[in-house]
C-alpha atoms as a PDB file:
ATOM      1  CA  MET A   1      70.427 113.160 -11.308  1.00  0.00           C
ATOM      2  CA  THR A   2      72.633 116.149 -10.517  1.00  0.00           C
ATOM      3  CA  HIS A   3      72.356 119.878 -11.095  1.00  0.00           C
ATOM      4  CA  VAL A   4      75.200 122.416 -11.018  1.00  0.00           C
ATOM      5  CA  VAL A   5      74.685 125.757  -9.249  1.00  0.00           C
ATOM      6  CA  ARG A   6      76.665 128.360 -11.161  1.00  0.00           C
ATOM      7  CA  SER A   7      77.823 131.908 -10.544  1.00  0.00           C
ATOM      8  CA  ASN A   8      75.522 134.427 -12.200  1.00  0.00           C
ATOM      9  CA  MET A   9      78.234 137.097 -12.457  1.00  0.00           C
ATOM     10  CA  ALA A  10      81.979 137.547 -12.258  1.00  0.00           C
ATOM     11  CA  GLY A  11      83.438 138.112  -8.805  1.00  0.00           C
ATOM     12  CA  THR A  12      85.445 136.690  -5.919  1.00  0.00           C
ATOM     13  CA  LEU A  13      83.893 133.880  -3.902  1.00  0.00           C
ATOM     14  CA  LEU A  14      83.726 135.026  -0.287  1.00  0.00           C
ATOM     15  CA  GLU A  15      81.981 132.130   1.409  1.00  0.00           C
ATOM     16  CA  ILE A  16      80.226 128.815   0.785  1.00  0.00           C
ATOM     17  CA  LEU A  17      77.178 128.739   3.057  1.00  0.00           C
ATOM     18  CA  VAL A  18      76.402 125.005   2.758  1.00  0.00           C
ATOM     19  CA  GLN A  19      78.330 121.767   3.125  1.00  0.00           C
ATOM     20  CA  PRO A  20      78.260 118.432   1.281  1.00  0.00           C
ATOM     21  CA  GLY A  21      75.390 116.293   2.539  1.00  0.00           C
ATOM     22  CA  GLU A  22      73.270 119.298   3.494  1.00  0.00           C
ATOM     23  CA  THR A  23      69.784 119.631   1.972  1.00  0.00           C
ATOM     24  CA  VAL A  24      68.984 122.993   0.375  1.00  0.00           C
ATOM     25  CA  SER A  25      65.731 124.504  -0.851  1.00  0.00           C
ATOM     26  CA  GLU A  26      65.162 126.371  -4.089  1.00  0.00           C
ATOM     27  CA  GLY A  27      65.947 130.052  -3.481  1.00  0.00           C
ATOM     28  CA  GLN A  28      68.198 129.372  -0.470  1.00  0.00           C
ATOM     29  CA  ASP A  29      71.473 131.310  -0.303  1.00  0.00           C
ATOM     30  CA  VAL A  30      74.339 128.880  -0.905  1.00  0.00           C
ATOM     31  CA  ALA A  31      77.308 131.209  -1.486  1.00  0.00           C
ATOM     32  CA  MET A  32      78.403 134.847  -1.248  1.00  0.00           C
ATOM     33  CA  ILE A  33      80.492 136.619  -3.863  1.00  0.00           C
ATOM     34  CA  GLU A  34      81.980 140.085  -4.076  1.00  0.00           C
ATOM     35  CA  SER A  35      81.557 141.909  -7.350  1.00  0.00           C
ATOM     36  CA  MET A  36      82.234 145.611  -7.875  1.00  0.00           C
ATOM     37  CA  LYS A  37      82.647 146.054  -4.083  1.00  0.00           C
ATOM     38  CA  MET A  38      79.160 144.641  -3.423  1.00  0.00           C
ATOM     39  CA  HIS A  39      78.470 141.408  -1.529  1.00  0.00           C
ATOM     40  CA  LEU A  40      75.900 139.329  -3.388  1.00  0.00           C
ATOM     41  CA  ALA A  41      74.207 136.043  -2.546  1.00  0.00           C
ATOM     42  CA  ILE A  42      74.108 133.137  -4.970  1.00  0.00           C
ATOM     43  CA  GLN A  43      70.953 131.079  -4.526  1.00  0.00           C
ATOM     44  CA  ALA A  44      70.085 127.495  -5.340  1.00  0.00           C
ATOM     45  CA  ASP A  45      67.856 127.396  -8.385  1.00  0.00           C
ATOM     46  CA  ARG A  46      66.596 123.926  -7.401  1.00  0.00           C
ATOM     47  CA  SER A  47      66.088 121.974  -4.211  1.00  0.00           C
ATOM     48  CA  GLY A  48      68.423 119.065  -3.499  1.00  0.00           C
ATOM     49  CA  LYS A  49      71.273 117.677  -1.441  1.00  0.00           C
ATOM     50  CA  VAL A  50      74.755 119.162  -1.807  1.00  0.00           C
ATOM     51  CA  ALA A  51      76.834 116.479  -3.534  1.00  0.00           C
ATOM     52  CA  SER A  52      80.082 118.413  -3.963  1.00  0.00           C
ATOM     53  CA  VAL A  53      81.592 121.877  -3.859  1.00  0.00           C
ATOM     54  CA  HIS A  54      83.644 122.968  -6.879  1.00  0.00           C
ATOM     55  CA  ALA A  55      84.989 126.344  -5.689  1.00  0.00           C
ATOM     56  CA  LYS A  56      86.610 127.685  -2.541  1.00  0.00           C
ATOM     57  CA  PRO A  57      86.691 131.096  -0.880  1.00  0.00           C
ATOM     58  CA  GLY A  58      89.146 133.383  -2.635  1.00  0.00           C
ATOM     59  CA  ASP A  59      88.523 131.868  -6.074  1.00  0.00           C
ATOM     60  CA  PHE A  60      87.656 134.306  -8.850  1.00  0.00           C
ATOM     61  CA  LEU A  61      84.511 133.146 -10.623  1.00  0.00           C
ATOM     62  CA  ASN A  62      83.391 134.113 -14.094  1.00  0.00           C
ATOM     63  CA  ASP A  63      79.744 134.234 -15.068  1.00  0.00           C
ATOM     64  CA  GLY A  64      78.622 130.603 -15.429  1.00  0.00           C
ATOM     65  CA  ASP A  65      81.417 128.978 -13.405  1.00  0.00           C
ATOM     66  CA  ALA A  66      80.367 125.996 -11.265  1.00  0.00           C
ATOM     67  CA  ILE A  67      80.118 126.600  -7.529  1.00  0.00           C
ATOM     68  CA  LEU A  68      78.529 123.396  -6.286  1.00  0.00           C
ATOM     69  CA  GLU A  69      76.607 120.352  -7.424  1.00  0.00           C
ATOM     70  CA  LEU A  70      73.253 119.183  -6.104  1.00  0.00           C
ATOM     71  CA  GLU A  71      71.683 115.727  -6.165  1.00  0.00           C
ATOM     72  CA  VAL A  72      68.103 116.441  -7.265  1.00  0.00           C
END
């Protein structure tokens, strides 16, 4: 089963903090975005293993856009 971690606001993706194959815990920071000149962390809302990354630094993300997918 997979779960998609999504952006919770519009902004520019600055950095992906995890890589495919890496295990993450619920609440762990997985990405950083810039929105309204603030740097904000996006956190995993479930624990799992990173299956794939759907966005890259520099991408503009809208609220709800997929960032990465977890195997849960």
